[in-house]
């Protein structure tokens, strides 16, 4: 449940979060755009068009590769946190439905359907 979540994040998770925050700013996009705008007229500095294209392809491929890895880490942790919150809500709703099922017998069946749909029994037994 939510109280089981630690505030301590490993170094890589903190780094991935910082990279995600860094890459999501408007000025990061502006820096990327500036890189392309500086690269475009540099065609005259390279002996061939192939070398000129290789430079931008290499730089963008490396940056993309690293950002995808970092952003995937952040996204996976975000998905886990969201799932944890949904599980807590489903467990709370099931508990409330269980309490009220004596007065409203239909809630007992609805609680069982909720438990089956989200797998509350499976999760509760594995924790």
Protein backbone atom coordinates (compact mmCIF):
# COMPACT_ATOMS: atom_id res chain seq x y z
CA UNK A 1 0.00 0.00 0.00
CA UNK A 2 1.12 3.64 -0.24
CA UNK A 3 2.79 3.55 3.18
CA UNK A 4 5.07 0.79 1.85
CA UNK A 5 6.65 3.17 -0.67
CA UNK A 6 10.05 4.51 0.27
CA UNK A 7 11.07 8.09 -0.44
CA UNK A 8 14.63 6.92 -1.13
CA UNK A 9 15.41 6.62 -4.83
CA UNK A 10 18.58 5.03 -6.18
CA UNK A 11 21.12 7.31 -7.88
CA UNK A 12 20.12 6.26 -11.41
CA UNK A 13 16.45 6.98 -10.73
CA UNK A 14 17.31 10.44 -9.40
CA UNK A 15 19.53 11.03 -12.43
CA UNK A 16 16.80 9.85 -14.84
CA UNK A 17 14.26 12.15 -13.18
CA UNK A 18 16.64 15.10 -13.46
CA UNK A 19 17.32 14.26 -17.12
CA UNK A 20 13.59 14.01 -17.80
CA UNK A 21 12.98 17.38 -16.18
CA UNK A 22 15.92 18.84 -18.12
CA UNK A 23 14.71 17.46 -21.47
CA UNK A 24 11.13 18.63 -20.95
CA UNK A 25 11.98 22.31 -20.80
CA UNK A 26 11.46 24.68 -23.73
CA UNK A 27 15.06 25.82 -23.67
CA UNK A 28 16.25 22.23 -24.23
CA UNK A 29 14.21 22.17 -27.43
CA UNK A 30 15.66 25.56 -28.34
CA UNK A 31 19.18 24.20 -27.77
CA UNK A 32 18.44 21.24 -30.05
CA UNK A 33 17.07 23.56 -32.69
CA UNK A 34 20.16 25.76 -32.36
CA UNK A 35 22.37 22.71 -32.85
CA UNK A 36 20.63 21.96 -36.14
CA UNK A 37 20.78 25.60 -37.21
CA UNK A 38 24.51 25.73 -36.48
CA UNK A 39 25.09 22.39 -38.22
CA UNK A 40 23.22 23.26 -41.43
CA UNK A 41 25.58 25.98 -42.71
CA UNK A 42 28.64 23.99 -41.60
CA UNK A 43 28.41 22.05 -44.86
CA UNK A 44 31.29 24.17 -46.15
CA UNK A 45 33.60 23.03 -43.34
CA UNK A 46 33.52 19.35 -44.32
CA UNK A 47 35.24 17.73 -47.27
CA UNK A 48 32.13 15.87 -48.38
CA UNK A 49 28.38 15.89 -47.94
CA UNK A 50 28.57 12.38 -46.45
CA UNK A 51 30.85 13.55 -43.63
CA UNK A 52 28.60 16.53 -43.00
CA UNK A 53 25.53 14.28 -42.70
CA UNK A 54 27.44 11.73 -40.61
CA UNK A 55 28.20 14.39 -38.00
CA UNK A 56 24.56 15.30 -37.35
CA UNK A 57 23.40 11.68 -37.63
CA UNK A 58 25.95 10.56 -35.06
CA UNK A 59 25.18 13.35 -32.61
CA UNK A 60 21.41 12.97 -32.84
CA UNK A 61 21.58 9.17 -32.63
CA UNK A 62 23.68 9.24 -29.47
CA UNK A 63 21.49 11.88 -27.80
CA UNK A 64 18.31 10.02 -28.79
CA UNK A 65 19.64 6.68 -27.56
CA UNK A 66 20.60 8.07 -24.16
CA UNK A 67 17.41 10.08 -23.71
CA UNK A 68 15.19 7.15 -24.59
CA UNK A 69 16.90 5.00 -21.94
CA UNK A 70 16.57 7.71 -19.29
CA UNK A 71 13.02 8.66 -20.16
CA UNK A 72 11.96 5.00 -20.22
CA UNK A 73 13.18 4.64 -16.64
CA UNK A 74 11.16 7.69 -15.59
CA UNK A 75 8.07 6.46 -17.43
CA UNK A 76 8.28 3.00 -15.88
CA UNK A 77 8.50 4.47 -12.37
CA UNK A 78 5.58 6.78 -13.14
CA UNK A 79 3.51 3.81 -14.33
CA UNK A 80 4.38 1.87 -11.17
CA UNK A 81 3.36 4.80 -8.96
CA UNK A 82 0.07 5.21 -10.83
CA UNK A 83 -0.66 1.49 -10.51
CA UNK A 84 0.12 1.63 -6.79
CA UNK A 85 -2.39 4.47 -6.36
CA UNK A 86 -5.06 2.64 -8.35
CA UNK A 87 -4.50 -0.50 -6.29
CA UNK A 88 -4.90 1.50 -3.08
CA UNK A 89 -8.13 3.05 -4.36
CA UNK A 90 -9.51 -0.35 -5.41
CA UNK A 91 -8.58 -1.87 -2.04
CA UNK A 92 -10.23 1.03 -0.18
CA UNK A 93 -13.36 0.79 -2.30
CA UNK A 94 -13.52 -2.98 -1.77
CA UNK A 95 -13.16 -2.51 1.99
CA UNK A 96 -15.94 0.09 2.01
CA UNK A 97 -18.16 -2.16 -0.07
CA UNK A 98 -17.44 -5.01 2.34
CA UNK A 99 -18.48 -2.87 5.30
CA UNK A 100 -21.71 -1.80 3.61
CA UNK A 101 -22.58 -5.24 2.22
CA UNK A 102 -24.51 -6.16 5.38
CA UNK A 103 -26.96 -3.32 4.71
CA UNK A 104 -26.84 -3.65 0.93
CA UNK A 105 -26.39 -7.30 -0.09
CA UNK A 106 -25.85 -6.37 -3.75
CA UNK A 107 -22.59 -4.68 -2.73
CA UNK A 108 -21.22 -8.06 -1.65
CA UNK A 109 -21.51 -9.35 -5.21
CA UNK A 110 -20.18 -6.08 -6.62
CA UNK A 111 -17.21 -6.30 -4.23
CA UNK A 112 -16.44 -9.80 -5.47
CA UNK A 113 -16.58 -8.56 -9.08
CA UNK A 114 -14.26 -5.67 -8.21
CA UNK A 115 -11.86 -8.02 -6.45
CA UNK A 116 -11.84 -10.40 -9.41
CA UNK A 117 -11.43 -7.58 -11.93
CA UNK A 118 -8.41 -6.00 -10.27
CA UNK A 119 -7.00 -9.11 -8.60
CA UNK A 120 -7.21 -7.87 -5.02
CA UNK A 121 -6.95 -11.32 -3.46
CA UNK A 122 -3.90 -12.20 -5.54
CA UNK A 123 -2.14 -8.97 -4.54
CA UNK A 124 -3.11 -9.19 -0.90
CA UNK A 125 -1.75 -12.72 -0.59
CA UNK A 126 1.54 -11.84 -2.28
CA UNK A 127 2.34 -8.83 -0.06
